N, C-alpha and C. Protein backbone atom coordinates (compact mmCIF):
# COMPACT_ATOMS: atom_id res chain seq x y z
N MET A 1 0.85 -1.18 0.00
CA MET A 1 0.00 0.00 0.00
C MET A 1 0.90 1.24 0.00
N THR A 2 0.62 2.17 -0.91
CA THR A 2 1.40 3.39 -0.98
C THR A 2 0.96 4.35 0.13
N VAL A 3 1.84 5.28 0.45
CA VAL A 3 1.52 6.23 1.51
C VAL A 3 0.35 7.14 1.09
N SER A 4 0.23 7.45 -0.19
CA SER A 4 -0.90 8.28 -0.62
C SER A 4 -2.22 7.53 -0.49
N PHE A 5 -2.20 6.21 -0.76
CA PHE A 5 -3.41 5.42 -0.58
C PHE A 5 -3.75 5.29 0.90
N GLU A 6 -2.74 5.12 1.72
CA GLU A 6 -2.93 5.05 3.17
C GLU A 6 -3.54 6.36 3.69
N LEU A 7 -3.00 7.47 3.23
CA LEU A 7 -3.54 8.78 3.61
C LEU A 7 -4.97 8.93 3.11
N ALA A 8 -5.24 8.47 1.89
CA ALA A 8 -6.59 8.55 1.34
C ALA A 8 -7.58 7.80 2.21
N GLU A 9 -7.20 6.65 2.71
CA GLU A 9 -8.08 5.90 3.60
C GLU A 9 -8.39 6.69 4.86
N HIS A 10 -7.39 7.37 5.40
CA HIS A 10 -7.63 8.21 6.58
C HIS A 10 -8.56 9.38 6.24
N LEU A 11 -8.36 9.98 5.08
CA LEU A 11 -9.24 11.08 4.67
C LEU A 11 -10.67 10.59 4.52
N ILE A 12 -10.83 9.44 3.92
CA ILE A 12 -12.17 8.86 3.73
C ILE A 12 -12.82 8.58 5.09
N ASN A 13 -12.08 7.96 5.99
CA ASN A 13 -12.63 7.64 7.31
C ASN A 13 -12.95 8.89 8.12
N CYS A 14 -12.16 9.92 7.94
CA CYS A 14 -12.33 11.13 8.73
C CYS A 14 -13.39 12.07 8.16
N PHE A 15 -13.45 12.20 6.83
CA PHE A 15 -14.26 13.26 6.23
C PHE A 15 -15.46 12.82 5.42
N MET A 16 -15.67 11.53 5.23
CA MET A 16 -16.78 11.09 4.38
C MET A 16 -18.13 11.53 4.94
N ASP A 17 -18.24 11.62 6.25
CA ASP A 17 -19.51 12.06 6.85
C ASP A 17 -19.80 13.53 6.55
N ASP A 18 -18.79 14.29 6.14
CA ASP A 18 -18.99 15.70 5.80
C ASP A 18 -19.58 15.88 4.40
N VAL A 19 -19.40 14.88 3.55
CA VAL A 19 -19.89 14.97 2.17
C VAL A 19 -21.41 15.04 2.16
N GLY A 20 -21.93 16.03 1.44
CA GLY A 20 -23.38 16.20 1.34
C GLY A 20 -23.98 16.96 2.50
N THR A 21 -23.15 17.54 3.36
CA THR A 21 -23.64 18.32 4.50
C THR A 21 -23.11 19.75 4.40
N GLU A 22 -23.52 20.58 5.34
CA GLU A 22 -23.01 21.95 5.42
C GLU A 22 -21.50 21.98 5.60
N SER A 23 -20.94 20.96 6.23
CA SER A 23 -19.50 20.92 6.50
C SER A 23 -18.67 20.62 5.26
N GLU A 24 -19.29 20.18 4.19
CA GLU A 24 -18.53 19.82 3.00
C GLU A 24 -17.70 20.99 2.48
N ARG A 25 -18.23 22.19 2.53
CA ARG A 25 -17.48 23.35 2.03
C ARG A 25 -16.23 23.61 2.87
N LYS A 26 -16.22 23.16 4.11
CA LYS A 26 -15.07 23.35 4.99
C LYS A 26 -13.89 22.46 4.59
N LEU A 27 -14.13 21.48 3.74
CA LEU A 27 -13.05 20.60 3.30
C LEU A 27 -12.01 21.33 2.46
N HIS A 28 -12.31 22.56 2.08
CA HIS A 28 -11.36 23.39 1.34
C HIS A 28 -10.59 24.34 2.25
N GLU A 29 -10.86 24.26 3.54
CA GLU A 29 -10.19 25.12 4.51
C GLU A 29 -9.12 24.32 5.25
N ASP A 30 -7.87 24.74 5.11
CA ASP A 30 -6.76 24.03 5.75
C ASP A 30 -6.96 23.88 7.25
N SER A 31 -7.42 24.94 7.90
CA SER A 31 -7.55 24.89 9.36
C SER A 31 -8.56 23.83 9.79
N TYR A 32 -9.67 23.71 9.08
CA TYR A 32 -10.68 22.70 9.41
C TYR A 32 -10.14 21.29 9.18
N VAL A 33 -9.50 21.10 8.03
CA VAL A 33 -8.97 19.78 7.69
C VAL A 33 -7.90 19.36 8.70
N LYS A 34 -6.97 20.26 9.01
CA LYS A 34 -5.91 19.92 9.95
C LYS A 34 -6.45 19.60 11.33
N LYS A 35 -7.37 20.42 11.80
CA LYS A 35 -7.93 20.22 13.15
C LYS A 35 -8.66 18.88 13.24
N LYS A 36 -9.51 18.61 12.27
CA LYS A 36 -10.30 17.37 12.33
C LYS A 36 -9.43 16.14 12.09
N LEU A 37 -8.48 16.23 11.17
CA LEU A 37 -7.61 15.09 10.89
C LEU A 37 -6.68 14.81 12.06
N LYS A 38 -6.21 15.87 12.71
CA LYS A 38 -5.33 15.69 13.88
C LYS A 38 -6.11 14.99 15.00
N LYS A 39 -7.36 15.36 15.18
CA LYS A 39 -8.20 14.71 16.19
C LYS A 39 -8.43 13.24 15.83
N HIS A 40 -8.61 12.96 14.56
CA HIS A 40 -8.87 11.61 14.07
C HIS A 40 -7.63 10.72 14.21
N LEU A 41 -6.46 11.26 13.86
CA LEU A 41 -5.24 10.46 13.82
C LEU A 41 -4.43 10.48 15.12
N GLY A 42 -4.54 11.57 15.86
CA GLY A 42 -3.64 11.79 16.98
C GLY A 42 -2.43 12.59 16.51
N ASN A 43 -1.78 13.26 17.43
CA ASN A 43 -0.69 14.18 17.07
C ASN A 43 0.46 13.50 16.34
N LYS A 44 0.90 12.36 16.83
CA LYS A 44 2.08 11.69 16.25
C LYS A 44 1.83 11.28 14.80
N ASP A 45 0.73 10.60 14.55
CA ASP A 45 0.43 10.17 13.19
C ASP A 45 0.12 11.36 12.28
N PHE A 46 -0.56 12.36 12.82
CA PHE A 46 -0.85 13.54 12.02
C PHE A 46 0.44 14.19 11.55
N ASP A 47 1.40 14.35 12.44
CA ASP A 47 2.67 14.98 12.08
C ASP A 47 3.38 14.20 10.98
N LYS A 48 3.27 12.88 11.01
CA LYS A 48 3.88 12.04 9.97
C LYS A 48 3.28 12.36 8.60
N TYR A 49 1.97 12.46 8.54
CA TYR A 49 1.30 12.75 7.27
C TYR A 49 1.45 14.21 6.87
N ASP A 50 1.45 15.09 7.84
CA ASP A 50 1.56 16.52 7.55
C ASP A 50 2.89 16.85 6.88
N ALA A 51 3.91 16.05 7.15
CA ALA A 51 5.24 16.29 6.58
C ALA A 51 5.38 15.79 5.14
N LEU A 52 4.37 15.11 4.63
CA LEU A 52 4.46 14.56 3.27
C LEU A 52 4.42 15.65 2.21
N LYS A 53 4.96 15.36 1.07
CA LYS A 53 4.99 16.31 -0.04
C LYS A 53 3.58 16.55 -0.59
N GLU A 54 3.43 17.69 -1.24
CA GLU A 54 2.13 18.11 -1.75
C GLU A 54 1.53 17.10 -2.74
N HIS A 55 2.35 16.48 -3.59
CA HIS A 55 1.80 15.55 -4.58
C HIS A 55 1.18 14.33 -3.90
N VAL A 56 1.68 13.93 -2.74
CA VAL A 56 1.09 12.80 -2.01
C VAL A 56 -0.31 13.19 -1.52
N TRP A 57 -0.41 14.41 -1.00
CA TRP A 57 -1.71 14.90 -0.55
C TRP A 57 -2.69 15.03 -1.71
N LYS A 58 -2.22 15.52 -2.84
CA LYS A 58 -3.11 15.65 -4.02
C LYS A 58 -3.62 14.29 -4.46
N ASP A 59 -2.74 13.31 -4.50
CA ASP A 59 -3.16 11.95 -4.87
C ASP A 59 -4.18 11.40 -3.89
N ALA A 60 -3.96 11.64 -2.60
CA ALA A 60 -4.88 11.15 -1.58
C ALA A 60 -6.25 11.82 -1.70
N TRP A 61 -6.25 13.14 -1.91
CA TRP A 61 -7.53 13.84 -2.07
C TRP A 61 -8.24 13.41 -3.36
N ARG A 62 -7.48 13.10 -4.39
CA ARG A 62 -8.08 12.61 -5.64
C ARG A 62 -8.81 11.29 -5.39
N GLU A 63 -8.19 10.41 -4.62
CA GLU A 63 -8.82 9.14 -4.27
C GLU A 63 -10.06 9.37 -3.41
N PHE A 64 -9.97 10.30 -2.47
CA PHE A 64 -11.12 10.67 -1.65
C PHE A 64 -12.27 11.14 -2.55
N ASP A 65 -11.95 11.99 -3.51
CA ASP A 65 -12.98 12.51 -4.43
C ASP A 65 -13.67 11.38 -5.19
N LYS A 66 -12.91 10.39 -5.63
CA LYS A 66 -13.51 9.24 -6.35
C LYS A 66 -14.53 8.53 -5.46
N VAL A 67 -14.17 8.31 -4.22
CA VAL A 67 -15.07 7.63 -3.29
C VAL A 67 -16.29 8.50 -2.98
N ALA A 68 -16.07 9.79 -2.80
CA ALA A 68 -17.17 10.70 -2.50
C ALA A 68 -18.15 10.79 -3.67
N ILE A 69 -17.63 10.83 -4.88
CA ILE A 69 -18.51 10.88 -6.06
C ILE A 69 -19.35 9.60 -6.13
N ASN A 70 -18.77 8.47 -5.88
CA ASN A 70 -19.53 7.20 -5.90
C ASN A 70 -20.57 7.16 -4.81
N LYS A 71 -20.31 7.81 -3.69
CA LYS A 71 -21.29 7.85 -2.60
C LYS A 71 -22.52 8.64 -3.02
N ASN A 72 -22.33 9.68 -3.81
CA ASN A 72 -23.42 10.57 -4.21
C ASN A 72 -24.18 10.09 -5.45
N THR A 73 -23.75 8.96 -6.03
CA THR A 73 -24.47 8.48 -7.23
C THR A 73 -25.39 7.35 -6.90
């Protein structure tokens, strides 16, 4: 499993409940994402993922988007 796929699974577990709600628009706010993800993962694991390069995060969010789109269809 790649680190981007691992991160995507965490994003899905943490934020899928926000899809289709008022909170969905907050998924574009760094402060909301960091706060909620840090609570979900814990400080140590959050810091590990937070240090990853931007392309890893983009890949993970792309995977999240695929799952979210399938949820809404």
